[in-house]
């Protein structure tokens, strides 16, 4: 049974939660605290699996509380529960939360959120993944320019010139940003010749995802050619998947998550190509000879695939939980409960739409959207797929001009 601690300074809200969640007492052992200090004392006295905290509280707020929980009880799943007006602030300043929920929140929404967070925590703590990733040797820390950008954006005095200076310090990234912002892919009406204007045109979240993707492909560039694998093709696929994901009907607060996860969903392949090139080449060959998708060959070999390996690294780098989840589930989003079409669903669909366009005619043994109608029907989006295919094709044309 999971032990769940709810923290809020409003007694009436806590009483309402207690009544609403009475039916969950066969699954959860519930506890309630009216302050961050009380919550920490309860967690010190006995272990909890999940803490769900309000964002705004007198004294120790939700951000400060979850930061302490991460430091002192790192195994605990951390969830922010805040008003709709506070959601954008919470997403920006609380990277230490695993999930974000808005008030009012019903029992089913809480059940799904807690279930998903616990599932991913268990998945990434799986001993077999730890053993394989540990066997790869030292993995690089979060890329330098992305890290500097993240720190700057978390500060109180963010300015476009400051962000531009961070980008300009890396000549290769500056050149790539200017190339992309002037391409048809971003629909720029006039030529942009300096990084500060590029930052203004792209927006912060798009800029961060581009910087991280450029650095990731540079950090993990294979040392030599690998038969059946092309870094250039993988980059094009990442950009097309990201483009499609950003145009699918996800909630607004998850759109940037879908874009970033779409760009990074195959980072696990890069890790394999970089650290285990011979083994990776053999897995690719086995998939082609056996007419089986690569991720299924990996699952037979290891019990997991490049999806979980990539998510593991991004989790170590401290990327938002929703990005890590979407990357981990990009071949199987139905492993966790869904109430709506979210970032994980969007990356899954985008990856398959991109594959359809890249492998024509499609390989009969390769997974595709046609093979997963029940999942699409469960989300009520199966009728939208034809127009999504048109949009994806338009993205391919724009990428060709980029």
Protein backbone atom coordinates (compact mmCIF):
# COMPACT_ATOMS: atom_id res chain seq x y z
CA UNK A 1 0.00 0.00 0.00
CA UNK A 2 1.34 3.43 -0.95
CA UNK A 3 1.65 6.09 1.74
CA UNK A 4 0.59 9.51 0.41
CA UNK A 5 1.09 12.82 2.25
CA UNK A 6 -1.02 15.87 1.27
CA UNK A 7 0.21 19.33 2.29
CA UNK A 8 -1.93 22.48 2.22
CA UNK A 9 -2.40 25.40 4.58
CA UNK A 10 -6.19 25.52 4.03
CA UNK A 11 -7.98 23.18 6.53
CA UNK A 12 -11.17 23.11 4.44
CA UNK A 13 -9.25 21.96 1.38
CA UNK A 14 -7.57 19.16 3.32
CA UNK A 15 -10.94 18.10 4.75
CA UNK A 16 -12.37 18.05 1.23
CA UNK A 17 -9.47 15.91 0.02
CA UNK A 18 -9.99 13.49 2.91
CA UNK A 19 -13.68 13.06 2.01
CA UNK A 20 -13.00 12.81 -1.72
CA UNK A 21 -10.30 10.16 -1.31
CA UNK A 22 -12.14 7.96 1.15
CA UNK A 23 -12.64 5.39 -1.62
CA UNK A 24 -8.86 5.19 -2.17
CA UNK A 25 -8.07 3.99 1.35
CA UNK A 26 -7.85 0.39 0.10
CA UNK A 27 -4.91 1.49 -2.13
CA UNK A 28 -3.37 4.38 -0.19
CA UNK A 29 -2.62 5.18 3.40
CA UNK A 30 -3.39 8.91 3.65
CA UNK A 31 -1.80 11.59 5.83
CA UNK A 32 -2.36 15.35 5.91
CA UNK A 33 -0.18 18.31 6.95
CA UNK A 34 -1.07 22.01 7.11
CA UNK A 35 2.49 23.32 6.58
CA UNK A 36 5.80 22.41 5.03
CA UNK A 37 7.42 22.14 8.45
CA UNK A 38 4.76 19.69 9.67
CA UNK A 39 5.13 17.64 6.49
CA UNK A 40 8.89 17.28 6.96
CA UNK A 41 8.39 16.22 10.58
CA UNK A 42 5.91 13.53 9.51
CA UNK A 43 8.30 12.29 6.81
CA UNK A 44 11.12 12.13 9.33
CA UNK A 45 8.98 10.04 11.66
CA UNK A 46 7.84 7.46 9.06
CA UNK A 47 8.44 6.80 5.32
CA UNK A 48 6.12 8.02 2.55
CA UNK A 49 5.94 7.08 -1.13
CA UNK A 50 4.33 10.30 -2.42
CA UNK A 51 3.99 13.91 -1.27
CA UNK A 52 1.37 16.20 -2.87
CA UNK A 53 1.87 19.86 -1.93
CA UNK A 54 0.14 23.15 -2.57
CA UNK A 55 2.32 25.75 -4.29
CA UNK A 56 1.56 28.77 -2.13
CA UNK A 57 1.76 28.42 1.64
CA UNK A 58 2.89 30.82 4.38
CA UNK A 59 6.39 30.14 5.68
CA UNK A 60 7.74 27.23 3.68
CA UNK A 61 6.07 27.21 0.23
CA UNK A 62 5.61 24.21 -2.01
CA UNK A 63 8.80 24.85 -3.99
CA UNK A 64 10.94 25.01 -0.84
CA UNK A 65 9.23 21.95 0.64
CA UNK A 66 9.78 19.76 -2.44
CA UNK A 67 13.38 20.91 -2.69
CA UNK A 68 13.91 19.68 0.89
CA UNK A 69 12.08 16.43 0.10
CA UNK A 70 14.29 15.83 -2.93
CA UNK A 71 17.40 16.40 -0.81
CA UNK A 72 16.37 14.45 2.30
CA UNK A 73 13.99 11.81 0.84
CA UNK A 74 15.01 11.41 -2.82
CA UNK A 75 12.96 8.22 -3.29
CA UNK A 76 9.66 10.06 -2.66
CA UNK A 77 7.48 11.05 -5.65
CA UNK A 78 6.90 14.82 -5.57
CA UNK A 79 3.67 16.39 -6.92
CA UNK A 80 2.61 20.05 -6.99
CA UNK A 81 -1.11 20.84 -6.68
CA UNK A 82 -1.79 24.48 -7.52
CA UNK A 83 -4.37 26.89 -8.87
CA UNK A 84 -4.62 27.28 -12.65
CA UNK A 85 -3.19 30.81 -12.48
CA UNK A 86 -0.08 29.52 -10.68
CA UNK A 87 0.61 26.64 -13.09
CA UNK A 88 2.97 28.48 -15.44
CA UNK A 89 4.98 29.73 -12.45
CA UNK A 90 5.10 26.25 -10.95
CA UNK A 91 6.31 24.71 -14.21
CA UNK A 92 9.07 27.27 -14.49
CA UNK A 93 10.40 27.45 -10.96
CA UNK A 94 9.83 23.94 -9.61
CA UNK A 95 11.88 21.57 -11.78
CA UNK A 96 12.06 19.30 -8.74
CA UNK A 97 8.41 18.19 -9.06
CA UNK A 98 7.49 14.95 -10.84
CA UNK A 99 3.94 16.01 -11.66
CA UNK A 100 1.86 19.20 -11.74
CA UNK A 101 -1.89 19.17 -11.08
CA UNK A 102 -4.35 22.04 -11.02
CA UNK A 103 -7.11 22.74 -8.49
CA UNK A 104 -9.86 21.61 -8.46
CA UNK A 105 -8.58 18.05 -8.88
CA UNK A 106 -10.82 14.98 -8.69
CA UNK A 107 -9.92 11.63 -7.16
CA UNK A 108 -9.42 9.92 -10.54
CA UNK A 109 -6.99 12.61 -11.70
CA UNK A 110 -4.97 12.20 -8.51
CA UNK A 111 -5.02 8.42 -8.84
CA UNK A 112 -3.74 8.60 -12.42
CA UNK A 113 -1.03 11.15 -11.60
CA UNK A 114 0.26 9.22 -8.61
CA UNK A 115 0.12 5.94 -10.51
CA UNK A 116 2.07 7.36 -13.46
CA UNK A 117 4.74 8.98 -11.30
CA UNK A 118 5.26 5.79 -9.31
CA UNK A 119 5.40 3.72 -12.50
CA UNK A 120 8.16 5.82 -14.04
CA UNK A 121 10.11 5.90 -10.77
CA UNK A 122 10.00 2.10 -10.62
CA UNK A 123 10.89 1.79 -14.30
CA UNK A 124 13.99 3.98 -14.08
CA UNK A 125 15.08 2.35 -10.81
CA UNK A 126 14.95 -1.10 -12.38
CA UNK A 127 18.13 -2.93 -11.47
CA UNK A 128 18.68 -4.25 -15.01
CA UNK A 129 18.69 -0.70 -16.44
CA UNK A 130 21.03 0.49 -13.69
CA UNK A 131 23.37 -2.42 -14.42
CA UNK A 132 23.52 -1.86 -18.19
CA UNK A 133 23.81 1.94 -17.96
CA UNK A 134 26.40 1.57 -15.18
CA UNK A 135 28.35 -0.79 -17.43
CA UNK A 136 28.61 1.90 -20.08
CA UNK A 137 31.12 3.77 -17.94
CA UNK A 138 30.94 7.45 -17.10
CA UNK A 139 28.18 9.33 -18.90
CA UNK A 140 28.66 13.03 -19.63
CA UNK A 141 27.07 15.65 -17.39
CA UNK A 142 24.28 17.87 -18.68
CA UNK A 143 25.67 19.82 -21.68
CA UNK A 144 27.38 23.05 -20.70
CA UNK A 145 25.48 25.63 -22.75
CA UNK A 146 22.09 24.13 -21.91
CA UNK A 147 23.03 24.04 -18.22
CA UNK A 148 24.13 27.69 -18.29
CA UNK A 149 20.92 28.65 -20.08
CA UNK A 150 18.76 26.81 -17.54
CA UNK A 151 20.52 28.49 -14.60
CA UNK A 152 20.15 31.92 -16.19
CA UNK A 153 16.45 31.42 -16.89
CA UNK A 154 15.83 30.32 -13.30
CA UNK A 155 17.21 33.62 -12.00
CA UNK A 156 15.14 36.72 -11.25
CA UNK A 157 16.75 39.03 -13.83
CA UNK A 158 16.49 37.27 -17.18
CA UNK A 159 17.10 39.40 -20.26
CA UNK A 160 17.40 38.66 -23.97
CA UNK A 161 20.95 40.08 -24.15
CA UNK A 162 22.03 37.78 -21.28
CA UNK A 163 20.50 34.72 -22.97
CA UNK A 164 22.06 35.72 -26.29
CA UNK A 165 25.52 36.03 -24.70
CA UNK A 166 25.28 32.47 -23.38
CA UNK A 167 24.43 31.18 -26.86
CA UNK A 168 27.09 33.29 -28.57
CA UNK A 169 29.79 31.78 -26.33
CA UNK A 170 29.39 28.57 -28.35
CA UNK A 171 30.11 29.33 -32.01
CA UNK A 172 28.73 26.02 -33.33
CA UNK A 173 25.42 26.41 -31.50
CA UNK A 174 25.11 30.05 -32.57
CA UNK A 175 25.57 29.08 -36.21
CA UNK A 176 23.01 26.27 -35.96
CA UNK A 177 20.43 28.49 -34.23
CA UNK A 178 20.79 31.15 -36.93
CA UNK A 179 20.54 28.51 -39.68
CA UNK A 180 17.34 27.08 -38.23
CA UNK A 181 15.62 30.35 -37.40
CA UNK A 182 16.11 31.53 -40.99
CA UNK A 183 14.70 28.33 -42.49
CA UNK A 184 11.19 27.75 -43.79
CA UNK A 185 10.76 25.37 -40.86
CA UNK A 186 10.23 28.34 -38.52
CA UNK A 187 8.39 30.49 -41.04
CA UNK A 188 10.67 33.51 -40.65
CA UNK A 189 9.46 36.38 -42.87
CA UNK A 190 12.78 38.26 -42.90
CA UNK A 191 16.42 37.42 -42.50
CA UNK A 192 17.67 37.23 -38.88
CA UNK A 193 21.37 37.90 -38.60
CA UNK A 194 22.12 37.94 -34.86
CA UNK A 195 21.45 35.61 -31.94
CA UNK A 196 19.50 38.12 -29.84
CA UNK A 197 16.89 38.53 -32.59
CA UNK A 198 16.83 34.75 -33.02
CA UNK A 199 16.12 34.32 -29.29
CA UNK A 200 13.29 36.84 -29.50
CA UNK A 201 11.78 35.12 -32.55
CA UNK A 202 12.03 31.53 -31.32
CA UNK A 203 10.94 31.95 -27.71
CA UNK A 204 12.78 30.60 -24.68
CA UNK A 205 11.44 27.04 -24.58
CA UNK A 206 12.00 26.41 -28.29
CA UNK A 207 15.48 27.86 -27.96
CA UNK A 208 16.29 25.57 -25.01
CA UNK A 209 15.15 22.48 -26.89
CA UNK A 210 17.22 23.42 -29.93
CA UNK A 211 20.31 24.11 -27.83
CA UNK A 212 19.97 20.82 -25.98
CA UNK A 213 19.41 18.82 -29.18
CA UNK A 214 22.46 20.40 -30.88
CA UNK A 215 24.61 19.63 -27.83
CA UNK A 216 23.26 16.09 -27.43
CA UNK A 217 24.03 15.15 -31.02
CA UNK A 218 27.48 16.65 -30.64
CA UNK A 219 28.26 14.97 -27.30
CA UNK A 220 27.14 11.52 -28.42
CA UNK A 221 28.51 11.55 -31.96
CA UNK A 222 29.75 7.99 -32.70
CA UNK A 223 33.50 7.67 -33.10
CA UNK A 224 33.15 5.83 -36.41
CA UNK A 225 30.54 4.63 -38.93
CA UNK A 226 27.98 2.05 -37.80
CA UNK A 227 26.35 -0.06 -40.47
CA UNK A 228 22.61 0.54 -40.54
CA UNK A 229 22.83 3.75 -38.48
CA UNK A 230 23.04 7.35 -39.68
CA UNK A 231 23.48 10.29 -37.31
CA UNK A 232 22.15 12.68 -39.96
CA UNK A 233 19.00 10.61 -40.47
CA UNK A 234 18.45 10.42 -36.72
CA UNK A 235 18.74 14.22 -36.45
CA UNK A 236 16.22 14.71 -39.24
CA UNK A 237 13.87 12.23 -37.61
CA UNK A 238 14.21 14.00 -34.23
CA UNK A 239 13.40 17.38 -35.76
CA UNK A 240 10.42 16.03 -37.72
CA UNK A 241 9.05 14.24 -34.64
CA UNK A 242 9.44 17.43 -32.61
CA UNK A 243 7.72 19.49 -35.33
CA UNK A 244 4.73 17.12 -35.43
CA UNK A 245 4.50 16.85 -31.63
CA UNK A 246 4.31 20.63 -31.31
CA UNK A 247 1.28 20.72 -33.62
CA UNK A 248 -0.78 17.93 -32.11
CA UNK A 249 -3.68 18.78 -29.75
CA UNK A 250 -1.92 18.57 -26.39
CA UNK A 251 -2.86 20.98 -23.56
CA UNK A 252 -1.04 24.31 -23.88
CA UNK A 253 1.06 23.80 -20.75
CA UNK A 254 2.40 20.52 -22.18
CA UNK A 255 3.21 21.74 -25.70
CA UNK A 256 6.81 22.71 -24.93
CA UNK A 257 7.25 19.38 -23.12
CA UNK A 258 6.09 17.52 -26.26
CA UNK A 259 8.45 19.56 -28.47
CA UNK A 260 11.50 18.90 -26.27
CA UNK A 261 10.67 15.20 -25.80
CA UNK A 262 10.12 14.83 -29.53
CA UNK A 263 13.57 16.25 -30.17
CA UNK A 264 15.21 13.95 -27.60
CA UNK A 265 13.13 10.76 -27.78
CA UNK A 266 15.89 8.71 -29.46
CA UNK A 267 18.80 9.88 -27.29
CA UNK A 268 19.09 6.28 -26.06
CA UNK A 269 20.09 5.23 -29.59
CA UNK A 270 22.86 7.84 -29.49
CA UNK A 271 24.13 6.47 -26.18
CA UNK A 272 24.22 2.94 -27.61
CA UNK A 273 25.96 4.09 -30.80
CA UNK A 274 28.49 6.11 -28.80
CA UNK A 275 29.29 3.62 -26.05
CA UNK A 276 28.49 0.21 -27.56
CA UNK A 277 28.89 0.60 -31.35
CA UNK A 278 29.61 -3.07 -32.10
CA UNK A 279 26.74 -4.32 -29.96
CA UNK A 280 24.42 -1.67 -31.41
CA UNK A 281 25.35 -2.68 -34.97
CA UNK A 282 24.55 -6.31 -34.14
CA UNK A 283 21.15 -5.38 -32.70
CA UNK A 284 20.31 -3.37 -35.82
CA UNK A 285 21.31 -6.31 -38.03
CA UNK A 286 19.23 -8.73 -35.93
CA UNK A 287 16.20 -6.48 -36.32
CA UNK A 288 16.54 -6.34 -40.09
CA UNK A 289 17.21 -10.04 -40.50
CA UNK A 290 14.39 -11.00 -38.16
CA UNK A 291 12.02 -8.34 -39.55
CA UNK A 292 11.51 -6.84 -36.11
CA UNK A 293 11.64 -3.21 -34.88
CA UNK A 294 14.90 -2.31 -33.13
CA UNK A 295 13.27 -1.57 -29.78
CA UNK A 296 11.72 -5.06 -29.69
CA UNK A 297 15.15 -6.63 -30.38
CA UNK A 298 16.57 -4.55 -27.51
CA UNK A 299 13.76 -5.64 -25.20
CA UNK A 300 14.49 -9.31 -25.97
CA UNK A 301 18.19 -8.72 -25.27
CA UNK A 302 18.00 -6.51 -22.18
CA UNK A 303 14.40 -6.44 -20.97
CA UNK A 304 14.15 -2.75 -21.96
CA UNK A 305 15.02 -0.55 -24.95
CA UNK A 306 16.80 2.63 -25.98
CA UNK A 307 13.66 4.50 -24.81
CA UNK A 308 14.34 3.69 -21.15
CA UNK A 309 18.11 4.23 -21.53
CA UNK A 310 17.51 7.73 -22.93
CA UNK A 311 14.98 8.53 -20.21
CA UNK A 312 17.43 7.37 -17.55
CA UNK A 313 20.09 9.81 -18.79
CA UNK A 314 17.63 12.71 -19.10
CA UNK A 315 16.47 11.98 -15.55
CA UNK A 316 20.07 12.18 -14.34
CA UNK A 317 20.40 15.49 -16.15
CA UNK A 318 17.39 16.86 -14.29
CA UNK A 319 15.07 17.42 -17.24
CA UNK A 320 11.38 17.84 -16.35
CA UNK A 321 9.60 14.66 -15.31
CA UNK A 322 7.08 14.97 -18.19
CA UNK A 323 9.93 15.01 -20.75
CA UNK A 324 11.56 11.95 -19.15
CA UNK A 325 8.20 10.13 -19.11
CA UNK A 326 7.43 10.91 -22.77
CA UNK A 327 10.89 9.68 -23.83
CA UNK A 328 10.59 6.49 -21.74
CA UNK A 329 7.15 5.71 -23.17
CA UNK A 330 7.59 6.76 -26.80
CA UNK A 331 7.09 3.16 -27.97
CA UNK A 332 4.43 2.20 -25.39
CA UNK A 333 2.48 5.09 -23.82
CA UNK A 334 -0.33 2.70 -22.87
CA UNK A 335 1.87 1.34 -20.06
CA UNK A 336 0.51 4.14 -17.89
CA UNK A 337 -3.14 5.26 -17.49
CA UNK A 338 -4.27 8.11 -19.75
CA UNK A 339 -7.22 10.41 -19.31
CA UNK A 340 -6.44 12.59 -22.31
CA UNK A 341 -4.05 13.09 -25.22
CA UNK A 342 -0.90 14.27 -23.45
CA UNK A 343 2.81 14.78 -24.17
CA UNK A 344 3.60 11.05 -24.03
CA UNK A 345 0.77 10.33 -26.48
CA UNK A 346 1.94 13.13 -28.77
CA UNK A 347 5.55 11.91 -28.95
CA UNK A 348 4.39 8.34 -29.57
CA UNK A 349 2.11 9.39 -32.45
CA UNK A 350 4.67 11.85 -33.85
CA UNK A 351 7.41 9.22 -33.91
CA UNK A 352 5.17 6.85 -35.87
CA UNK A 353 3.98 9.56 -38.29
CA UNK A 354 7.58 10.55 -38.95
CA UNK A 355 8.52 6.90 -39.54
CA UNK A 356 5.69 6.52 -42.06
CA UNK A 357 7.10 9.38 -44.11
CA UNK A 358 10.73 8.28 -43.83
CA UNK A 359 10.19 4.61 -44.73
CA UNK A 360 8.05 4.50 -47.86
CA UNK A 361 6.50 2.12 -48.58
CA UNK A 362 6.26 1.16 -44.88
CA UNK A 363 7.83 -2.11 -43.83
CA UNK A 364 5.06 -4.66 -43.14
CA UNK A 365 6.73 -5.77 -39.90
CA UNK A 366 7.42 -2.26 -38.57
CA UNK A 367 5.02 -0.91 -35.94
CA UNK A 368 2.76 1.83 -37.23
CA UNK A 369 -0.35 3.78 -36.30
CA UNK A 370 -2.53 1.30 -38.18
CA UNK A 371 -1.52 -1.39 -35.69
CA UNK A 372 -2.61 0.63 -32.67
CA UNK A 373 -6.19 1.65 -33.34
CA UNK A 374 -7.46 0.59 -29.87
CA UNK A 375 -5.12 3.04 -28.14
CA UNK A 376 -6.08 5.90 -30.45
CA UNK A 377 -9.76 5.06 -30.03
CA UNK A 378 -9.38 5.08 -26.24
CA UNK A 379 -8.21 8.69 -26.48
CA UNK A 380 -10.88 9.63 -29.04
CA UNK A 381 -8.39 10.79 -31.70
CA UNK A 382 -8.51 8.01 -34.30
CA UNK A 383 -10.56 10.20 -36.69
CA UNK A 384 -7.88 12.94 -36.58
CA UNK A 385 -5.05 10.78 -37.93
CA UNK A 386 -5.60 11.57 -41.66
CA UNK A 387 -5.25 15.32 -41.11
CA UNK A 388 -2.23 14.71 -38.88
CA UNK A 389 -0.61 12.84 -41.76
CA UNK A 390 -1.13 15.88 -44.01
CA UNK A 391 0.43 18.16 -41.39
CA UNK A 392 3.38 15.77 -40.95
CA UNK A 393 3.99 15.74 -44.72
CA UNK A 394 4.07 19.55 -44.68
CA UNK A 395 6.69 19.37 -41.93
CA UNK A 396 8.81 17.06 -44.08
CA UNK A 397 8.72 19.59 -46.91
CA UNK A 398 9.74 22.41 -44.58
CA UNK A 399 12.59 20.35 -43.14
CA UNK A 400 13.89 19.70 -46.66
CA UNK A 401 14.21 23.48 -47.10
CA UNK A 402 15.87 24.02 -43.70
